[in-house]
Amino acid sequence: SRTAQMFATAGRSDAATQRDIERALGAPDIARQEGAGAAWTYRLENCALLLLFAADTRNEMRLAEVHPSARRAGAAVPSLDQCAAEAAARRS
């Protein structure tokens, strides 16, 4: 999926920007600024996605890391692809 492809760019110089992510997934459920970085959380039905951003050399916030986790205690941690599909479906 396009969302999974965006997540795969994390940590690269051409990583998705905050604007790219918001256009694809909508506004995050939780957004925090942390110094020169940012953390966004999306709460989906079965998955929570933590997206970490860092400023590049032009001060553009780019995706640095993506961490999927289960929404319910004791549930199996979903794969990044599963979370990407769920995130993409939320916007359609």
PDB file of N, CA and C in Angstrom:
ATOM      1  N   SER A   1       0.838  -1.203   0.000  1.00  0.00           N
ATOM      2  CA  SER A   1       0.000   0.000   0.000  1.00  0.00           C
ATOM      3  C   SER A   1       0.872   1.251   0.000  1.00  0.00           C
ATOM      4  N   ARG A   2       0.294   2.352  -0.401  1.00  0.00           N
ATOM      5  CA  ARG A   2       1.024   3.622  -0.404  1.00  0.00           C
ATOM      6  C   ARG A   2       1.461   3.996   1.004  1.00  0.00           C
ATOM      7  N   THR A   3       0.622   3.714   1.986  1.00  0.00           N
ATOM      8  CA  THR A   3       0.956   4.022   3.377  1.00  0.00           C
ATOM      9  C   THR A   3       2.169   3.212   3.818  1.00  0.00           C
ATOM     10  N   ALA A   4       2.197   1.924   3.501  1.00  0.00           N
ATOM     11  CA  ALA A   4       3.341   1.075   3.859  1.00  0.00           C
ATOM     12  C   ALA A   4       4.606   1.583   3.179  1.00  0.00           C
ATOM     13  N   GLN A   5       4.485   2.034   1.933  1.00  0.00           N
ATOM     14  CA  GLN A   5       5.643   2.576   1.214  1.00  0.00           C
ATOM     15  C   GLN A   5       6.154   3.844   1.903  1.00  0.00           C
ATOM     16  N   MET A   6       5.239   4.687   2.375  1.00  0.00           N
ATOM     17  CA  MET A   6       5.639   5.898   3.101  1.00  0.00           C
ATOM     18  C   MET A   6       6.385   5.527   4.380  1.00  0.00           C
ATOM     19  N   PHE A   7       5.851   4.545   5.119  1.00  0.00           N
ATOM     20  CA  PHE A   7       6.486   4.123   6.362  1.00  0.00           C
ATOM     21  C   PHE A   7       7.880   3.560   6.095  1.00  0.00           C
ATOM     22  N   ALA A   8       8.052   2.899   4.947  1.00  0.00           N
ATOM     23  CA  ALA A   8       9.343   2.291   4.601  1.00  0.00           C
ATOM     24  C   ALA A   8      10.431   3.340   4.378  1.00  0.00           C
ATOM     25  N   THR A   9      10.054   4.602   4.161  1.00  0.00           N
ATOM     26  CA  THR A   9      11.053   5.656   3.945  1.00  0.00           C
ATOM     27  C   THR A   9      11.635   6.175   5.262  1.00  0.00           C
ATOM     28  N   ALA A  10      11.104   5.744   6.398  1.00  0.00           N
ATOM     29  CA  ALA A  10      11.532   6.268   7.705  1.00  0.00           C
ATOM     30  C   ALA A  10      13.051   6.196   7.857  1.00  0.00           C
ATOM     31  N   GLY A  11      13.608   7.302   8.306  1.00  0.00           N
ATOM     32  CA  GLY A  11      15.031   7.360   8.572  1.00  0.00           C
ATOM     33  C   GLY A  11      15.890   7.737   7.377  1.00  0.00           C
ATOM     34  N   ARG A  12      15.302   7.813   6.202  1.00  0.00           N
ATOM     35  CA  ARG A  12      16.066   8.162   5.004  1.00  0.00           C
ATOM     36  C   ARG A  12      15.987   9.669   4.756  1.00  0.00           C
ATOM     37  N   SER A  13      16.897  10.168   3.928  1.00  0.00           N
ATOM     38  CA  SER A  13      16.903  11.603   3.628  1.00  0.00           C
ATOM     39  C   SER A  13      15.670  12.018   2.830  1.00  0.00           C
ATOM     40  N   ASP A  14      15.040  11.044   2.131  1.00  0.00           N
ATOM     41  CA  ASP A  14      13.817  11.329   1.366  1.00  0.00           C
ATOM     42  C   ASP A  14      12.564  10.837   2.088  1.00  0.00           C
ATOM     43  N   ALA A  15      12.661  10.686   3.411  1.00  0.00           N
ATOM     44  CA  ALA A  15      11.522  10.186   4.199  1.00  0.00           C
ATOM     45  C   ALA A  15      10.316  11.111   4.055  1.00  0.00           C
ATOM     46  N   ALA A  16       9.145  10.540   4.272  1.00  0.00           N
ATOM     47  CA  ALA A  16       7.898  11.312   4.231  1.00  0.00           C
ATOM     48  C   ALA A  16       7.950  12.453   5.248  1.00  0.00           C
ATOM     49  N   THR A  17       7.362  13.574   4.890  1.00  0.00           N
ATOM     50  CA  THR A  17       7.283  14.725   5.797  1.00  0.00           C
ATOM     51  C   THR A  17       6.010  14.622   6.634  1.00  0.00           C
ATOM     52  N   GLN A  18       5.926  15.450   7.654  1.00  0.00           N
ATOM     53  CA  GLN A  18       4.700  15.498   8.452  1.00  0.00           C
ATOM     54  C   GLN A  18       3.505  15.809   7.560  1.00  0.00           C
ATOM     55  N   ARG A  19       3.696  16.711   6.610  1.00  0.00           N
ATOM     56  CA  ARG A  19       2.610  17.083   5.689  1.00  0.00           C
ATOM     57  C   ARG A  19       2.168  15.865   4.873  1.00  0.00           C
ATOM     58  N   ASP A  20       3.137  15.071   4.383  1.00  0.00           N
ATOM     59  CA  ASP A  20       2.808  13.859   3.618  1.00  0.00           C
ATOM     60  C   ASP A  20       1.971  12.894   4.464  1.00  0.00           C
ATOM     61  N   ILE A  21       2.405  12.694   5.693  1.00  0.00           N
ATOM     62  CA  ILE A  21       1.718  11.758   6.592  1.00  0.00           C
ATOM     63  C   ILE A  21       0.308  12.261   6.900  1.00  0.00           C
ATOM     64  N   GLU A  22       0.180  13.544   7.200  1.00  0.00           N
ATOM     65  CA  GLU A  22      -1.148  14.082   7.531  1.00  0.00           C
ATOM     66  C   GLU A  22      -2.082  14.019   6.338  1.00  0.00           C
ATOM     67  N   ARG A  23      -1.548  14.250   5.146  1.00  0.00           N
ATOM     68  CA  ARG A  23      -2.371  14.144   3.938  1.00  0.00           C
ATOM     69  C   ARG A  23      -2.865  12.701   3.746  1.00  0.00           C
ATOM     70  N   ALA A  24      -2.024  11.729   4.070  1.00  0.00           N
ATOM     71  CA  ALA A  24      -2.388  10.322   3.878  1.00  0.00           C
ATOM     72  C   ALA A  24      -3.270   9.771   5.004  1.00  0.00           C
ATOM     73  N   LEU A  25      -2.984  10.169   6.246  1.00  0.00           N
ATOM     74  CA  LEU A  25      -3.662   9.545   7.398  1.00  0.00           C
ATOM     75  C   LEU A  25      -4.601  10.471   8.155  1.00  0.00           C
ATOM     76  N   GLY A  26      -4.572  11.755   7.846  1.00  0.00           N
ATOM     77  CA  GLY A  26      -5.356  12.708   8.621  1.00  0.00           C
ATOM     78  C   GLY A  26      -4.562  13.155   9.841  1.00  0.00           C
ATOM     79  N   ALA A  27      -5.168  13.982  10.647  1.00  0.00           N
ATOM     80  CA  ALA A  27      -4.500  14.508  11.841  1.00  0.00           C
ATOM     81  C   ALA A  27      -4.257  13.385  12.843  1.00  0.00           C
ATOM     82  N   PRO A  28      -3.142  13.421  13.559  1.00  0.00           N
ATOM     83  CA  PRO A  28      -2.877  12.396  14.570  1.00  0.00           C
ATOM     84  C   PRO A  28      -3.821  12.553  15.763  1.00  0.00           C
ATOM     85  N   ASP A  29      -4.017  11.468  16.495  1.00  0.00           N
ATOM     86  CA  ASP A  29      -4.831  11.527  17.714  1.00  0.00           C
ATOM     87  C   ASP A  29      -4.081  12.240  18.835  1.00  0.00           C
ATOM     88  N   ILE A  30      -2.768  12.072  18.865  1.00  0.00           N
ATOM     89  CA  ILE A  30      -1.921  12.743  19.847  1.00  0.00           C
ATOM     90  C   ILE A  30      -0.701  13.279  19.102  1.00  0.00           C
ATOM     91  N   ALA A  31      -0.339  14.537  19.340  1.00  0.00           N
ATOM     92  CA  ALA A  31       0.851  15.128  18.722  1.00  0.00           C
ATOM     93  C   ALA A  31       1.652  15.844  19.806  1.00  0.00           C
ATOM     94  N   ARG A  32       2.956  15.546  19.855  1.00  0.00           N
ATOM     95  CA  ARG A  32       3.845  16.194  20.825  1.00  0.00           C
ATOM     96  C   ARG A  32       5.090  16.700  20.109  1.00  0.00           C
ATOM     97  N   GLN A  33       5.519  17.905  20.461  1.00  0.00           N
ATOM     98  CA  GLN A  33       6.823  18.433  20.023  1.00  0.00           C
ATOM     99  C   GLN A  33       7.823  18.084  21.103  1.00  0.00           C
ATOM    100  N   GLU A  34       8.963  17.594  20.696  1.00  0.00           N
ATOM    101  CA  GLU A  34      10.020  17.238  21.646  1.00  0.00           C
ATOM    102  C   GLU A  34      11.319  17.817  21.128  1.00  0.00           C
ATOM    103  N   GLY A  35      11.703  18.999  21.551  1.00  0.00           N
ATOM    104  CA  GLY A  35      12.942  19.614  21.086  1.00  0.00           C
ATOM    105  C   GLY A  35      12.914  19.774  19.580  1.00  0.00           C
ATOM    106  N   ALA A  36      13.890  19.165  18.893  1.00  0.00           N
ATOM    107  CA  ALA A  36      13.973  19.263  17.430  1.00  0.00           C
ATOM    108  C   ALA A  36      13.180  18.164  16.737  1.00  0.00           C
ATOM    109  N   GLY A  37      12.383  17.423  17.493  1.00  0.00           N
ATOM    110  CA  GLY A  37      11.607  16.330  16.916  1.00  0.00           C
ATOM    111  C   GLY A  37      10.146  16.413  17.299  1.00  0.00           C
ATOM    112  N   ALA A  38       9.404  15.416  16.839  1.00  0.00           N
ATOM    113  CA  ALA A  38       7.973  15.351  17.155  1.00  0.00           C
ATOM    114  C   ALA A  38       7.553  13.887  17.229  1.00  0.00           C
ATOM    115  N   ALA A  39       6.500  13.625  17.987  1.00  0.00           N
ATOM    116  CA  ALA A  39       5.924  12.288  18.097  1.00  0.00           C
ATOM    117  C   ALA A  39       4.429  12.392  17.830  1.00  0.00           C
ATOM    118  N   TRP A  40       3.963  11.589  16.888  1.00  0.00           N
ATOM    119  CA  TRP A  40       2.535  11.525  16.584  1.00  0.00           C
ATOM    120  C   TRP A  40       2.037  10.126  16.864  1.00  0.00           C
ATOM    121  N   THR A  41       0.837  10.032  17.429  1.00  0.00           N
ATOM    122  CA  THR A  41       0.206   8.733  17.674  1.00  0.00           C
ATOM    123  C   THR A  41      -1.137   8.682  16.959  1.00  0.00           C
ATOM    124  N   TYR A  42      -1.348   7.590  16.256  1.00  0.00           N
ATOM    125  CA  TYR A  42      -2.637   7.292  15.629  1.00  0.00           C
ATOM    126  C   TYR A  42      -3.215   6.086  16.344  1.00  0.00           C
ATOM    127  N   ARG A  43      -4.438   6.214  16.855  1.00  0.00           N
ATOM    128  CA  ARG A  43      -5.137   5.110  17.513  1.00  0.00           C
ATOM    129  C   ARG A  43      -6.135   4.532  16.519  1.00  0.00           C
ATOM    130  N   LEU A  44      -5.838   3.338  16.064  1.00  0.00           N
ATOM    131  CA  LEU A  44      -6.703   2.661  15.098  1.00  0.00           C
ATOM    132  C   LEU A  44      -7.496   1.586  15.836  1.00  0.00           C
ATOM    133  N   GLU A  45      -8.289   0.832  15.114  1.00  0.00           N
ATOM    134  CA  GLU A  45      -9.136  -0.181  15.757  1.00  0.00           C
ATOM    135  C   GLU A  45      -8.306  -1.231  16.504  1.00  0.00           C
ATOM    136  N   ASN A  46      -7.325  -1.820  15.830  1.00  0.00           N
ATOM    137  CA  ASN A  46      -6.538  -2.903  16.424  1.00  0.00           C
ATOM    138  C   ASN A  46      -5.085  -2.540  16.636  1.00  0.00           C
ATOM    139  N   CYS A  47      -4.695  -1.356  16.229  1.00  0.00           N
ATOM    140  CA  CYS A  47      -3.297  -0.979  16.194  1.00  0.00           C
ATOM    141  C   CYS A  47      -3.127   0.457  16.673  1.00  0.00           C
ATOM    142  N   ALA A  48      -2.046   0.695  17.375  1.00  0.00           N
ATOM    143  CA  ALA A  48      -1.622   2.066  17.672  1.00  0.00           C
ATOM    144  C   ALA A  48      -0.301   2.274  16.938  1.00  0.00           C
ATOM    145  N   LEU A  49      -0.188   3.401  16.274  1.00  0.00           N
ATOM    146  CA  LEU A  49       1.030   3.723  15.529  1.00  0.00           C
ATOM    147  C   LEU A  49       1.702   4.929  16.170  1.00  0.00           C
ATOM    148  N   LEU A  50       2.966   4.776  16.527  1.00  0.00           N
ATOM    149  CA  LEU A  50       3.763   5.883  17.025  1.00  0.00           C
ATOM    150  C   LEU A  50       4.730   6.268  15.909  1.00  0.00           C
ATOM    151  N   LEU A  51       4.623   7.503  15.439  1.00  0.00           N
ATOM    152  CA  LEU A  51       5.489   8.012  14.385  1.00  0.00           C
ATOM    153  C   LEU A  51       6.405   9.074  14.986  1.00  0.00           C
ATOM    154  N   LEU A  52       7.703   8.905  14.801  1.00  0.00           N
ATOM    155  CA  LEU A  52       8.680   9.865  15.307  1.00  0.00           C
ATOM    156  C   LEU A  52       9.270  10.629  14.138  1.00  0.00           C
ATOM    157  N   PHE A  53       9.362  11.938  14.303  1.00  0.00           N
ATOM    158  CA  PHE A  53       9.866  12.824  13.254  1.00  0.00           C
ATOM    159  C   PHE A  53      11.103  13.556  13.763  1.00  0.00           C
ATOM    160  N   ALA A  54      12.016  13.853  12.835  1.00  0.00           N
ATOM    161  CA  ALA A  54      13.210  14.644  13.145  1.00  0.00           C
ATOM    162  C   ALA A  54      13.396  15.672  12.040  1.00  0.00           C
ATOM    163  N   ALA A  55      13.947  16.811  12.407  1.00  0.00           N
ATOM    164  CA  ALA A  55      14.177  17.875  11.437  1.00  0.00           C
ATOM    165  C   ALA A  55      15.354  17.508  10.529  1.00  0.00           C
ATOM    166  N   ASP A  56      15.198  17.753   9.232  1.00  0.00           N
ATOM    167  CA  ASP A  56      16.299  17.523   8.294  1.00  0.00           C
ATOM    168  C   ASP A  56      17.146  18.799   8.203  1.00  0.00           C
ATOM    169  N   THR A  57      18.082  18.841   7.281  1.00  0.00           N
ATOM    170  CA  THR A  57      18.995  19.984   7.167  1.00  0.00           C
ATOM    171  C   THR A  57      18.277  21.275   6.780  1.00  0.00           C
ATOM    172  N   ARG A  58      17.097  21.159   6.175  1.00  0.00           N
ATOM    173  CA  ARG A  58      16.298  22.343   5.811  1.00  0.00           C
ATOM    174  C   ARG A  58      15.208  22.620   6.850  1.00  0.00           C
ATOM    175  N   ASN A  59      15.314  21.947   7.995  1.00  0.00           N
ATOM    176  CA  ASN A  59      14.359  22.098   9.091  1.00  0.00           C
ATOM    177  C   ASN A  59      12.962  21.589   8.741  1.00  0.00           C
ATOM    178  N   GLU A  60      12.877  20.674   7.780  1.00  0.00           N
ATOM    179  CA  GLU A  60      11.611  20.015   7.428  1.00  0.00           C
ATOM    180  C   GLU A  60      11.497  18.766   8.309  1.00  0.00           C
ATOM    181  N   MET A  61      10.364  18.604   8.966  1.00  0.00           N
ATOM    182  CA  MET A  61      10.172  17.434   9.835  1.00  0.00           C
ATOM    183  C   MET A  61       9.899  16.204   8.981  1.00  0.00           C
ATOM    184  N   ARG A  62      10.797  15.226   9.058  1.00  0.00           N
ATOM    185  CA  ARG A  62      10.691  13.998   8.269  1.00  0.00           C
ATOM    186  C   ARG A  62      10.549  12.783   9.177  1.00  0.00           C
ATOM    187  N   LEU A  63       9.857  11.779   8.666  1.00  0.00           N
ATOM    188  CA  LEU A  63       9.616  10.547   9.407  1.00  0.00           C
ATOM    189  C   LEU A  63      10.939   9.860   9.719  1.00  0.00           C
ATOM    190  N   ALA A  64      11.202   9.627  10.994  1.00  0.00           N
ATOM    191  CA  ALA A  64      12.453   9.002  11.424  1.00  0.00           C
ATOM    192  C   ALA A  64      12.236   7.544  11.819  1.00  0.00           C
ATOM    193  N   GLU A  65      11.121   7.261  12.508  1.00  0.00           N
ATOM    194  CA  GLU A  65      10.830   5.900  12.980  1.00  0.00           C
ATOM    195  C   GLU A  65       9.322   5.675  13.010  1.00  0.00           C
ATOM    196  N   VAL A  66       8.930   4.404  12.843  1.00  0.00           N
ATOM    197  CA  VAL A  66       7.522   3.999  12.938  1.00  0.00           C
ATOM    198  C   VAL A  66       7.452   2.782  13.858  1.00  0.00           C
ATOM    199  N   HIS A  67       6.578   2.841  14.864  1.00  0.00           N
ATOM    200  CA  HIS A  67       6.445   1.745  15.828  1.00  0.00           C
ATOM    201  C   HIS A  67       4.978   1.328  15.958  1.00  0.00           C
ATOM    202  N   PRO A  68       4.619   0.126  15.485  1.00  0.00           N
ATOM    203  CA  PRO A  68       3.255  -0.378  15.692  1.00  0.00           C
ATOM    204  C   PRO A  68       3.143  -1.046  17.063  1.00  0.00           C
ATOM    205  N   SER A  69       1.974  -0.989  17.648  1.00  0.00           N
ATOM    206  CA  SER A  69       1.707  -1.724  18.885  1.00  0.00           C
ATOM    207  C   SER A  69       0.239  -2.117  18.924  1.00  0.00           C
ATOM    208  N   ALA A  70      -0.066  -3.081  19.783  1.00  0.00           N
ATOM    209  CA  ALA A  70      -1.446  -3.547  19.932  1.00  0.00           C
ATOM    210  C   ALA A  70      -2.241  -2.516  20.720  1.00  0.00           C
ATOM    211  N   ARG A  71      -3.525  -2.402  20.419  1.00  0.00           N
ATOM    212  CA  ARG A  71      -4.397  -1.476  21.148  1.00  0.00           C
ATOM    213  C   ARG A  71      -4.921  -2.082  22.445  1.00  0.00           C
ATOM    214  N   ARG A  72      -4.915  -3.404  22.549  1.00  0.00           N
ATOM    215  CA  ARG A  72      -5.475  -4.063  23.724  1.00  0.00           C
ATOM    216  C   ARG A  72      -4.403  -4.882  24.432  1.00  0.00           C
ATOM    217  N   ALA A  73      -4.406  -4.825  25.747  1.00  0.00           N
ATOM    218  CA  ALA A  73      -3.447  -5.594  26.540  1.00  0.00           C
ATOM    219  C   ALA A  73      -3.572  -7.079  26.216  1.00  0.00           C
ATOM    220  N   GLY A  74      -2.464  -7.730  26.049  1.00  0.00           N
ATOM    221  CA  GLY A  74      -2.460  -9.166  25.781  1.00  0.00           C
ATOM    222  C   GLY A  74      -2.642  -9.531  24.318  1.00  0.00           C
ATOM    223  N   ALA A  75      -3.002  -8.565  23.477  1.00  0.00           N
ATOM    224  CA  ALA A  75      -3.185  -8.847  22.048  1.00  0.00           C
ATOM    225  C   ALA A  75      -1.812  -8.911  21.382  1.00  0.00           C
ATOM    226  N   ALA A  76      -1.734  -9.673  20.304  1.00  0.00           N
ATOM    227  CA  ALA A  76      -0.493  -9.767  19.550  1.00  0.00           C
ATOM    228  C   ALA A  76      -0.180  -8.425  18.902  1.00  0.00           C
ATOM    229  N   VAL A  77       1.089  -8.084  18.841  1.00  0.00           N
ATOM    230  CA  VAL A  77       1.492  -6.836  18.179  1.00  0.00           C
ATOM    231  C   VAL A  77       1.301  -7.013  16.679  1.00  0.00           C
ATOM    232  N   PRO A  78       0.513  -6.150  16.052  1.00  0.00           N
ATOM    233  CA  PRO A  78       0.290  -6.263  14.610  1.00  0.00           C
ATOM    234  C   PRO A  78       1.553  -5.867  13.843  1.00  0.00           C
ATOM    235  N   SER A  79       1.669  -6.368  12.639  1.00  0.00           N
ATOM    236  CA  SER A  79       2.811  -6.006  11.797  1.00  0.00           C
ATOM    237  C   SER A  79       2.636  -4.570  11.313  1.00  0.00           C
ATOM    238  N   LEU A  80       3.723  -4.002  10.848  1.00  0.00           N
ATOM    239  CA  LEU A  80       3.662  -2.650  10.296  1.00  0.00           C
ATOM    240  C   LEU A  80       2.743  -2.617   9.080  1.00  0.00           C
ATOM    241  N   ASP A  81       2.773  -3.674   8.258  1.00  0.00           N
ATOM    242  CA  ASP A  81       1.886  -3.738   7.089  1.00  0.00           C
ATOM    243  C   ASP A  81       0.416  -3.767   7.510  1.00  0.00           C
ATOM    244  N   GLN A  82       0.090  -4.517   8.565  1.00  0.00           N
ATOM    245  CA  GLN A  82      -1.290  -4.569   9.063  1.00  0.00           C
ATOM    246  C   GLN A  82      -1.739  -3.185   9.539  1.00  0.00           C
ATOM    247  N   CYS A  83      -0.863  -2.500  10.266  1.00  0.00           N
ATOM    248  CA  CYS A  83      -1.198  -1.156  10.766  1.00  0.00           C
ATOM    249  C   CYS A  83      -1.334  -0.180   9.605  1.00  0.00           C
ATOM    250  N   ALA A  84      -0.458  -0.294   8.607  1.00  0.00           N
ATOM    251  CA  ALA A  84      -0.519   0.602   7.448  1.00  0.00           C
ATOM    252  C   ALA A  84      -1.837   0.426   6.725  1.00  0.00           C
ATOM    253  N   ALA A  85      -2.270  -0.832   6.541  1.00  0.00           N
ATOM    254  CA  ALA A  85      -3.542  -1.100   5.860  1.00  0.00           C
ATOM    255  C   ALA A  85      -4.714  -0.532   6.657  1.00  0.00           C
ATOM    256  N   GLU A  86      -4.668  -0.698   7.971  1.00  0.00           N
ATOM    257  CA  GLU A  86      -5.743  -0.173   8.825  1.00  0.00           C
ATOM    258  C   GLU A  86      -5.761   1.359   8.805  1.00  0.00           C
ATOM    259  N   ALA A  87      -4.587   1.976   8.789  1.00  0.00           N
ATOM    260  CA  ALA A  87      -4.499   3.432   8.755  1.00  0.00           C
ATOM    261  C   ALA A  87      -5.029   3.961   7.429  1.00  0.00           C
ATOM    262  N   ALA A  88      -4.689   3.295   6.338  1.00  0.00           N
ATOM    263  CA  ALA A  88      -5.151   3.716   5.018  1.00  0.00           C
ATOM    264  C   ALA A  88      -6.665   3.562   4.898  1.00  0.00           C
ATOM    265  N   ALA A  89      -7.209   2.485   5.452  1.00  0.00           N
ATOM    266  CA  ALA A  89      -8.651   2.229   5.390  1.00  0.00           C
ATOM    267  C   ALA A  89      -9.441   3.282   6.178  1.00  0.00           C
ATOM    268  N   ARG A  90      -8.846   3.785   7.230  1.00  0.00           N
ATOM    269  CA  ARG A  90      -9.511   4.801   8.074  1.00  0.00           C
ATOM    270  C   ARG A  90      -9.794   6.066   7.271  1.00  0.00           C
ATOM    271  N   ARG A  91      -8.962   6.374   6.294  1.00  0.00           N
ATOM    272  CA  ARG A  91      -9.115   7.592   5.497  1.00  0.00           C
ATOM    273  C   ARG A  91     -10.056   7.427   4.316  1.00  0.00           C
ATOM    274  N   SER A  92     -10.368   6.171   3.948  1.00  0.00           N
ATOM    275  CA  SER A  92     -11.191   5.978   2.739  1.00  0.00           C
ATOM    276  C   SER A  92     -12.667   5.937   3.040  1.00  0.00           C
TER     277      SER A  92
END
